Amino acid sequence: MWLGIGNESKITLLFLACFAPIYISCVSAVLKIKEDYINSAYTVGASKYQIFIHVILPSCLPDIFVGIRTAVGVAYTTLVAAEMVAAKSGLGWMVLDASNYLRSDIIFVGIIIMGITGILLDQFLRILEKKIVPWKGKE
């Protein structure tokens, strides 16, 4: 409403939809860090910057990726819903427009494309996670 019906409002809506999952996963990840790791780094003379780069960030990355994967799913769903409400193009608009004319073939194709796109996005993030966080699950 404050930003109109253009791209600014959609970007703001997507930001708000993604913020909570990422924020919650980051806070949860920081709270789960074992103090022994930080104390051990201080013992060997690490600076605060080195502790952040070599202890805190690697400990948090697996949970941050979980938040990112969740946020991408929420963002994709929100984007399709926003297209259904206030857009003149996109998959959501295509499915909604086809439903007005009882074009079930277009509706099914749109739903299948949405599903395939969602699966591909998730698989891409899983591959990226394996490249960036190879130590996940090896404790």
N, C-alpha and C. Protein backbone atom coordinates (compact mmCIF):
# COMPACT_ATOMS: atom_id res chain seq x y z
N MET A 1 0.82 -1.17 0.00
CA MET A 1 0.00 0.00 0.00
C MET A 1 0.88 1.25 0.00
N TRP A 2 1.91 1.28 0.83
CA TRP A 2 2.76 2.46 0.89
C TRP A 2 3.67 2.55 -0.32
N LEU A 3 3.98 1.43 -0.91
CA LEU A 3 4.93 1.41 -2.01
C LEU A 3 4.27 1.20 -3.37
N GLY A 4 2.95 1.21 -3.42
CA GLY A 4 2.26 1.03 -4.69
C GLY A 4 2.17 -0.43 -5.08
N ILE A 5 1.91 -0.67 -6.37
CA ILE A 5 1.79 -2.05 -6.85
C ILE A 5 2.93 -2.41 -7.79
N GLY A 6 3.98 -1.61 -7.80
CA GLY A 6 5.13 -1.88 -8.68
C GLY A 6 6.09 -2.88 -8.06
N ASN A 7 7.28 -2.90 -8.61
CA ASN A 7 8.30 -3.84 -8.14
C ASN A 7 8.76 -3.55 -6.72
N GLU A 8 8.74 -2.27 -6.32
CA GLU A 8 9.20 -1.93 -4.97
C GLU A 8 8.39 -2.65 -3.91
N SER A 9 7.09 -2.70 -4.08
CA SER A 9 6.25 -3.38 -3.09
C SER A 9 6.50 -4.88 -3.08
N LYS A 10 6.73 -5.46 -4.25
CA LYS A 10 6.99 -6.91 -4.31
C LYS A 10 8.34 -7.25 -3.67
N ILE A 11 9.34 -6.42 -3.93
CA ILE A 11 10.66 -6.65 -3.32
C ILE A 11 10.57 -6.51 -1.81
N THR A 12 9.85 -5.50 -1.34
CA THR A 12 9.68 -5.32 0.11
C THR A 12 8.95 -6.50 0.72
N LEU A 13 7.92 -6.97 0.06
CA LEU A 13 7.16 -8.13 0.55
C LEU A 13 8.06 -9.37 0.63
N LEU A 14 8.88 -9.59 -0.39
CA LEU A 14 9.79 -10.74 -0.38
C LEU A 14 10.83 -10.60 0.72
N PHE A 15 11.34 -9.38 0.93
CA PHE A 15 12.30 -9.16 2.01
C PHE A 15 11.68 -9.49 3.36
N LEU A 16 10.47 -9.00 3.58
CA LEU A 16 9.80 -9.27 4.85
C LEU A 16 9.51 -10.75 5.03
N ALA A 17 9.17 -11.43 3.95
CA ALA A 17 8.89 -12.87 4.05
C ALA A 17 10.16 -13.67 4.34
N CYS A 18 11.29 -13.23 3.81
CA CYS A 18 12.55 -13.96 3.98
C CYS A 18 13.28 -13.61 5.27
N PHE A 19 13.01 -12.45 5.83
CA PHE A 19 13.78 -11.98 6.98
C PHE A 19 13.67 -12.91 8.17
N ALA A 20 12.45 -13.30 8.53
CA ALA A 20 12.24 -14.11 9.74
C ALA A 20 12.97 -15.46 9.70
N PRO A 21 12.84 -16.26 8.64
CA PRO A 21 13.55 -17.55 8.66
C PRO A 21 15.07 -17.41 8.74
N ILE A 22 15.61 -16.43 8.03
CA ILE A 22 17.06 -16.25 8.05
C ILE A 22 17.51 -15.73 9.41
N TYR A 23 16.79 -14.77 9.96
CA TYR A 23 17.16 -14.20 11.26
C TYR A 23 17.09 -15.27 12.35
N ILE A 24 16.02 -16.03 12.36
CA ILE A 24 15.85 -17.07 13.39
C ILE A 24 16.95 -18.12 13.28
N SER A 25 17.29 -18.52 12.07
CA SER A 25 18.34 -19.53 11.92
C SER A 25 19.71 -18.98 12.31
N CYS A 26 19.97 -17.71 12.04
CA CYS A 26 21.25 -17.11 12.44
C CYS A 26 21.36 -17.03 13.95
N VAL A 27 20.31 -16.56 14.61
CA VAL A 27 20.33 -16.46 16.07
C VAL A 27 20.47 -17.84 16.69
N SER A 28 19.74 -18.79 16.18
CA SER A 28 19.82 -20.16 16.69
C SER A 28 21.23 -20.73 16.51
N ALA A 29 21.83 -20.46 15.37
CA ALA A 29 23.18 -20.97 15.10
C ALA A 29 24.20 -20.37 16.05
N VAL A 30 24.09 -19.08 16.31
CA VAL A 30 25.05 -18.43 17.22
C VAL A 30 24.87 -18.97 18.64
N LEU A 31 23.65 -19.19 19.05
CA LEU A 31 23.41 -19.69 20.40
C LEU A 31 23.89 -21.13 20.58
N LYS A 32 23.99 -21.90 19.49
CA LYS A 32 24.41 -23.29 19.58
C LYS A 32 25.92 -23.48 19.59
N ILE A 33 26.68 -22.40 19.34
CA ILE A 33 28.15 -22.53 19.32
C ILE A 33 28.64 -22.92 20.71
N LYS A 34 29.49 -23.91 20.74
CA LYS A 34 30.04 -24.35 22.03
C LYS A 34 31.08 -23.34 22.50
N GLU A 35 30.95 -22.93 23.76
CA GLU A 35 31.89 -21.96 24.32
C GLU A 35 33.30 -22.50 24.34
N ASP A 36 33.45 -23.80 24.42
CA ASP A 36 34.78 -24.40 24.43
C ASP A 36 35.56 -24.04 23.16
N TYR A 37 34.87 -23.98 22.02
CA TYR A 37 35.54 -23.62 20.78
C TYR A 37 36.10 -22.21 20.84
N ILE A 38 35.28 -21.29 21.34
CA ILE A 38 35.71 -19.89 21.44
C ILE A 38 36.83 -19.75 22.46
N ASN A 39 36.67 -20.39 23.60
CA ASN A 39 37.72 -20.32 24.63
C ASN A 39 39.03 -20.94 24.15
N SER A 40 38.94 -22.01 23.39
CA SER A 40 40.14 -22.63 22.84
C SER A 40 40.85 -21.68 21.88
N ALA A 41 40.07 -20.97 21.08
CA ALA A 41 40.68 -20.02 20.15
C ALA A 41 41.35 -18.87 20.89
N TYR A 42 40.71 -18.38 21.96
CA TYR A 42 41.34 -17.34 22.78
C TYR A 42 42.63 -17.86 23.40
N THR A 43 42.63 -19.11 23.82
CA THR A 43 43.80 -19.70 24.48
C THR A 43 45.02 -19.71 23.56
N VAL A 44 44.80 -19.97 22.28
CA VAL A 44 45.93 -20.00 21.35
C VAL A 44 46.25 -18.63 20.78
N GLY A 45 45.59 -17.58 21.31
CA GLY A 45 45.93 -16.21 20.95
C GLY A 45 45.21 -15.64 19.75
N ALA A 46 44.06 -16.16 19.41
CA ALA A 46 43.31 -15.65 18.27
C ALA A 46 42.65 -14.31 18.62
N SER A 47 42.62 -13.42 17.63
CA SER A 47 41.93 -12.14 17.82
C SER A 47 40.43 -12.35 17.64
N LYS A 48 39.64 -11.31 17.95
CA LYS A 48 38.19 -11.42 17.78
C LYS A 48 37.82 -11.65 16.31
N TYR A 49 38.55 -10.99 15.42
CA TYR A 49 38.30 -11.19 13.99
C TYR A 49 38.59 -12.63 13.59
N GLN A 50 39.71 -13.18 14.05
CA GLN A 50 40.06 -14.56 13.73
C GLN A 50 39.06 -15.54 14.32
N ILE A 51 38.57 -15.25 15.51
CA ILE A 51 37.56 -16.12 16.12
C ILE A 51 36.28 -16.09 15.29
N PHE A 52 35.91 -14.90 14.82
CA PHE A 52 34.70 -14.81 13.99
C PHE A 52 34.88 -15.60 12.69
N ILE A 53 36.01 -15.39 12.02
CA ILE A 53 36.23 -16.01 10.71
C ILE A 53 36.46 -17.52 10.81
N HIS A 54 37.19 -17.96 11.83
CA HIS A 54 37.61 -19.36 11.89
C HIS A 54 36.79 -20.23 12.85
N VAL A 55 36.01 -19.62 13.74
CA VAL A 55 35.23 -20.41 14.70
C VAL A 55 33.73 -20.15 14.54
N ILE A 56 33.32 -18.90 14.67
CA ILE A 56 31.89 -18.58 14.69
C ILE A 56 31.24 -18.81 13.33
N LEU A 57 31.81 -18.23 12.28
CA LEU A 57 31.20 -18.36 10.95
C LEU A 57 31.12 -19.81 10.48
N PRO A 58 32.21 -20.60 10.57
CA PRO A 58 32.07 -22.01 10.16
C PRO A 58 31.07 -22.79 11.01
N SER A 59 30.93 -22.44 12.28
CA SER A 59 29.95 -23.13 13.13
C SER A 59 28.52 -22.77 12.75
N CYS A 60 28.33 -21.54 12.28
CA CYS A 60 26.98 -21.06 11.97
C CYS A 60 26.51 -21.38 10.55
N LEU A 61 27.43 -21.57 9.63
CA LEU A 61 27.05 -21.74 8.22
C LEU A 61 26.03 -22.85 7.95
N PRO A 62 26.14 -24.02 8.56
CA PRO A 62 25.12 -25.04 8.27
C PRO A 62 23.70 -24.58 8.62
N ASP A 63 23.54 -23.95 9.78
CA ASP A 63 22.20 -23.48 10.17
C ASP A 63 21.76 -22.29 9.32
N ILE A 64 22.70 -21.46 8.92
CA ILE A 64 22.35 -20.32 8.06
C ILE A 64 21.83 -20.83 6.72
N PHE A 65 22.44 -21.88 6.19
CA PHE A 65 21.95 -22.44 4.93
C PHE A 65 20.55 -23.04 5.09
N VAL A 66 20.26 -23.61 6.23
CA VAL A 66 18.89 -24.11 6.47
C VAL A 66 17.91 -22.93 6.41
N GLY A 67 18.28 -21.82 7.02
CA GLY A 67 17.43 -20.63 6.98
C GLY A 67 17.28 -20.08 5.58
N ILE A 68 18.36 -20.11 4.81
CA ILE A 68 18.29 -19.62 3.43
C ILE A 68 17.39 -20.51 2.59
N ARG A 69 17.52 -21.83 2.75
CA ARG A 69 16.66 -22.74 1.98
C ARG A 69 15.19 -22.54 2.35
N THR A 70 14.92 -22.36 3.63
CA THR A 70 13.55 -22.10 4.06
C THR A 70 13.05 -20.78 3.49
N ALA A 71 13.91 -19.76 3.55
CA ALA A 71 13.52 -18.43 3.06
C ALA A 71 13.26 -18.43 1.56
N VAL A 72 14.03 -19.20 0.80
CA VAL A 72 13.80 -19.27 -0.64
C VAL A 72 12.44 -19.91 -0.93
N GLY A 73 12.09 -20.94 -0.19
CA GLY A 73 10.77 -21.55 -0.36
C GLY A 73 9.65 -20.59 -0.02
N VAL A 74 9.81 -19.87 1.07
CA VAL A 74 8.80 -18.88 1.48
C VAL A 74 8.73 -17.76 0.44
N ALA A 75 9.89 -17.31 -0.04
CA ALA A 75 9.92 -16.23 -1.03
C ALA A 75 9.25 -16.65 -2.33
N TYR A 76 9.50 -17.87 -2.76
CA TYR A 76 8.90 -18.33 -4.01
C TYR A 76 7.38 -18.41 -3.88
N THR A 77 6.91 -18.93 -2.76
CA THR A 77 5.47 -19.00 -2.52
C THR A 77 4.87 -17.60 -2.45
N THR A 78 5.55 -16.70 -1.77
CA THR A 78 5.08 -15.32 -1.65
C THR A 78 5.05 -14.63 -3.00
N LEU A 79 6.07 -14.89 -3.82
CA LEU A 79 6.12 -14.29 -5.15
C LEU A 79 4.94 -14.73 -6.01
N VAL A 80 4.66 -16.02 -5.99
CA VAL A 80 3.53 -16.53 -6.78
C VAL A 80 2.22 -15.94 -6.26
N ALA A 81 2.07 -15.84 -4.94
CA ALA A 81 0.86 -15.25 -4.37
C ALA A 81 0.74 -13.77 -4.75
N ALA A 82 1.86 -13.05 -4.73
CA ALA A 82 1.84 -11.63 -5.11
C ALA A 82 1.48 -11.48 -6.59
N GLU A 83 1.96 -12.38 -7.42
CA GLU A 83 1.59 -12.34 -8.84
C GLU A 83 0.10 -12.59 -9.02
N MET A 84 -0.48 -13.44 -8.19
CA MET A 84 -1.91 -13.72 -8.30
C MET A 84 -2.74 -12.51 -7.88
N VAL A 85 -2.23 -11.73 -6.95
CA VAL A 85 -3.00 -10.60 -6.43
C VAL A 85 -2.82 -9.35 -7.29
N ALA A 86 -1.59 -9.00 -7.61
CA ALA A 86 -1.35 -7.72 -8.27
C ALA A 86 -0.24 -7.83 -9.30
N ALA A 87 -0.53 -8.47 -10.42
CA ALA A 87 0.46 -8.54 -11.50
C ALA A 87 -0.25 -8.76 -12.82
N LYS A 88 0.47 -8.49 -13.88
CA LYS A 88 -0.06 -8.72 -15.22
C LYS A 88 0.80 -9.74 -15.97
N SER A 89 1.72 -10.38 -15.24
CA SER A 89 2.55 -11.42 -15.84
C SER A 89 3.08 -12.32 -14.73
N GLY A 90 3.67 -13.43 -15.12
CA GLY A 90 4.23 -14.37 -14.15
C GLY A 90 3.39 -15.63 -14.05
N LEU A 91 3.96 -16.63 -13.39
CA LEU A 91 3.27 -17.92 -13.25
C LEU A 91 1.98 -17.81 -12.45
N GLY A 92 2.03 -17.07 -11.36
CA GLY A 92 0.82 -16.91 -10.54
C GLY A 92 -0.30 -16.25 -11.32
N TRP A 93 0.04 -15.21 -12.06
CA TRP A 93 -0.96 -14.53 -12.87
C TRP A 93 -1.49 -15.46 -13.96
N MET A 94 -0.59 -16.25 -14.58
CA MET A 94 -1.00 -17.16 -15.64
C MET A 94 -2.01 -18.19 -15.12
N VAL A 95 -1.72 -18.76 -13.94
CA VAL A 95 -2.63 -19.76 -13.37
C VAL A 95 -3.96 -19.12 -13.00
N LEU A 96 -3.91 -17.95 -12.39
CA LEU A 96 -5.16 -17.28 -11.99
C LEU A 96 -5.97 -16.87 -13.22
N ASP A 97 -5.31 -16.35 -14.24
CA ASP A 97 -6.00 -15.96 -15.47
C ASP A 97 -6.61 -17.18 -16.15
N ALA A 98 -5.88 -18.28 -16.17
CA ALA A 98 -6.41 -19.51 -16.78
C ALA A 98 -7.61 -20.03 -16.01
N SER A 99 -7.61 -19.84 -14.69
CA SER A 99 -8.76 -20.32 -13.90
C SER A 99 -10.01 -19.50 -14.20
N ASN A 100 -9.85 -18.24 -14.58
CA ASN A 100 -11.01 -17.42 -14.94
C ASN A 100 -11.68 -17.92 -16.22
N TYR A 101 -10.91 -18.54 -17.09
CA TYR A 101 -11.44 -19.04 -18.36
C TYR A 101 -11.57 -20.56 -18.38
N LEU A 102 -11.46 -21.19 -17.20
CA LEU A 102 -11.59 -22.64 -17.05
C LEU A 102 -10.63 -23.41 -17.96
N ARG A 103 -9.41 -22.91 -18.07
CA ARG A 103 -8.37 -23.57 -18.87
C ARG A 103 -7.53 -24.44 -17.95
N SER A 104 -8.05 -25.63 -17.65
CA SER A 104 -7.37 -26.51 -16.70
C SER A 104 -6.01 -26.98 -17.22
N ASP A 105 -5.84 -27.06 -18.53
CA ASP A 105 -4.54 -27.48 -19.07
C ASP A 105 -3.45 -26.47 -18.70
N ILE A 106 -3.75 -25.18 -18.82
CA ILE A 106 -2.78 -24.15 -18.47
C ILE A 106 -2.55 -24.13 -16.96
N ILE A 107 -3.61 -24.35 -16.20
CA ILE A 107 -3.48 -24.39 -14.74
C ILE A 107 -2.53 -25.51 -14.33
N PHE A 108 -2.72 -26.71 -14.88
CA PHE A 108 -1.86 -27.85 -14.53
C PHE A 108 -0.41 -27.61 -14.96
N VAL A 109 -0.22 -27.06 -16.15
CA VAL A 109 1.14 -26.76 -16.62
C VAL A 109 1.80 -25.74 -15.69
N GLY A 110 1.06 -24.71 -15.30
CA GLY A 110 1.59 -23.71 -14.38
C GLY A 110 1.98 -24.31 -13.04
N ILE A 111 1.13 -25.17 -12.51
CA ILE A 111 1.42 -25.81 -11.22
C ILE A 111 2.64 -26.73 -11.34
N ILE A 112 2.72 -27.47 -12.44
CA ILE A 112 3.88 -28.36 -12.64
C ILE A 112 5.17 -27.54 -12.77
N ILE A 113 5.11 -26.43 -13.52
CA ILE A 113 6.29 -25.57 -13.66
C ILE A 113 6.70 -25.00 -12.30
N MET A 114 5.71 -24.59 -11.49
CA MET A 114 6.03 -24.08 -10.15
C MET A 114 6.72 -25.15 -9.31
N GLY A 115 6.20 -26.37 -9.36
CA GLY A 115 6.80 -27.46 -8.60
C GLY A 115 8.21 -27.79 -9.05
N ILE A 116 8.41 -27.88 -10.36
CA ILE A 116 9.74 -28.18 -10.88
C ILE A 116 10.72 -27.07 -10.54
N THR A 117 10.28 -25.82 -10.67
CA THR A 117 11.14 -24.69 -10.33
C THR A 117 11.52 -24.71 -8.86
N GLY A 118 10.56 -25.01 -8.00
CA GLY A 118 10.85 -25.10 -6.56
C GLY A 118 11.85 -26.19 -6.25
N ILE A 119 11.68 -27.35 -6.87
CA ILE A 119 12.62 -28.46 -6.65
C ILE A 119 14.01 -28.10 -7.16
N LEU A 120 14.09 -27.46 -8.33
CA LEU A 120 15.39 -27.06 -8.88
C LEU A 120 16.09 -26.03 -7.99
N LEU A 121 15.32 -25.07 -7.48
CA LEU A 121 15.91 -24.08 -6.56
C LEU A 121 16.48 -24.76 -5.32
N ASP A 122 15.72 -25.69 -4.75
CA ASP A 122 16.18 -26.38 -3.55
C ASP A 122 17.41 -27.24 -3.84
N GLN A 123 17.41 -27.93 -4.97
CA GLN A 123 18.57 -28.76 -5.33
C GLN A 123 19.81 -27.90 -5.56
N PHE A 124 19.62 -26.73 -6.19
CA PHE A 124 20.74 -25.81 -6.39
C PHE A 124 21.32 -25.37 -5.05
N LEU A 125 20.45 -25.04 -4.10
CA LEU A 125 20.93 -24.63 -2.78
C LEU A 125 21.60 -25.77 -2.04
N ARG A 126 21.11 -27.00 -2.21
CA ARG A 126 21.76 -28.16 -1.59
C ARG A 126 23.17 -28.37 -2.15
N ILE A 127 23.31 -28.25 -3.45
CA ILE A 127 24.63 -28.40 -4.08
C ILE A 127 25.57 -27.30 -3.60
N LEU A 128 25.06 -26.07 -3.56
CA LEU A 128 25.85 -24.94 -3.08
C LEU A 128 26.27 -25.15 -1.62
N GLU A 129 25.36 -25.67 -0.82
CA GLU A 129 25.66 -25.95 0.58
C GLU A 129 26.75 -27.00 0.71
N LYS A 130 26.70 -28.05 -0.10
CA LYS A 130 27.74 -29.09 -0.05
C LYS A 130 29.11 -28.54 -0.45
N LYS A 131 29.12 -27.57 -1.37
CA LYS A 131 30.40 -26.97 -1.78
C LYS A 131 30.94 -26.03 -0.70
N ILE A 132 30.06 -25.23 -0.10
CA ILE A 132 30.50 -24.21 0.86
C ILE A 132 30.67 -24.77 2.26
N VAL A 133 29.84 -25.75 2.63
CA VAL A 133 29.87 -26.31 3.99
C VAL A 133 30.10 -27.83 3.91
N PRO A 134 31.29 -28.25 3.48
CA PRO A 134 31.52 -29.70 3.34
C PRO A 134 31.59 -30.44 4.67
N TRP A 135 31.77 -29.72 5.76
CA TRP A 135 31.90 -30.37 7.07
C TRP A 135 30.56 -30.61 7.75
N LYS A 136 29.46 -30.22 7.13
CA LYS A 136 28.15 -30.39 7.75
C LYS A 136 27.86 -31.87 7.99
N GLY A 137 27.46 -32.20 9.21
CA GLY A 137 27.09 -33.55 9.56
C GLY A 137 28.25 -34.49 9.81
N LYS A 138 29.46 -33.96 9.94
CA LYS A 138 30.63 -34.81 10.13
C LYS A 138 31.25 -34.62 11.51
N GLU A 139 30.44 -34.28 12.49
CA GLU A 139 30.97 -34.11 13.85
C GLU A 139 30.90 -35.39 14.61
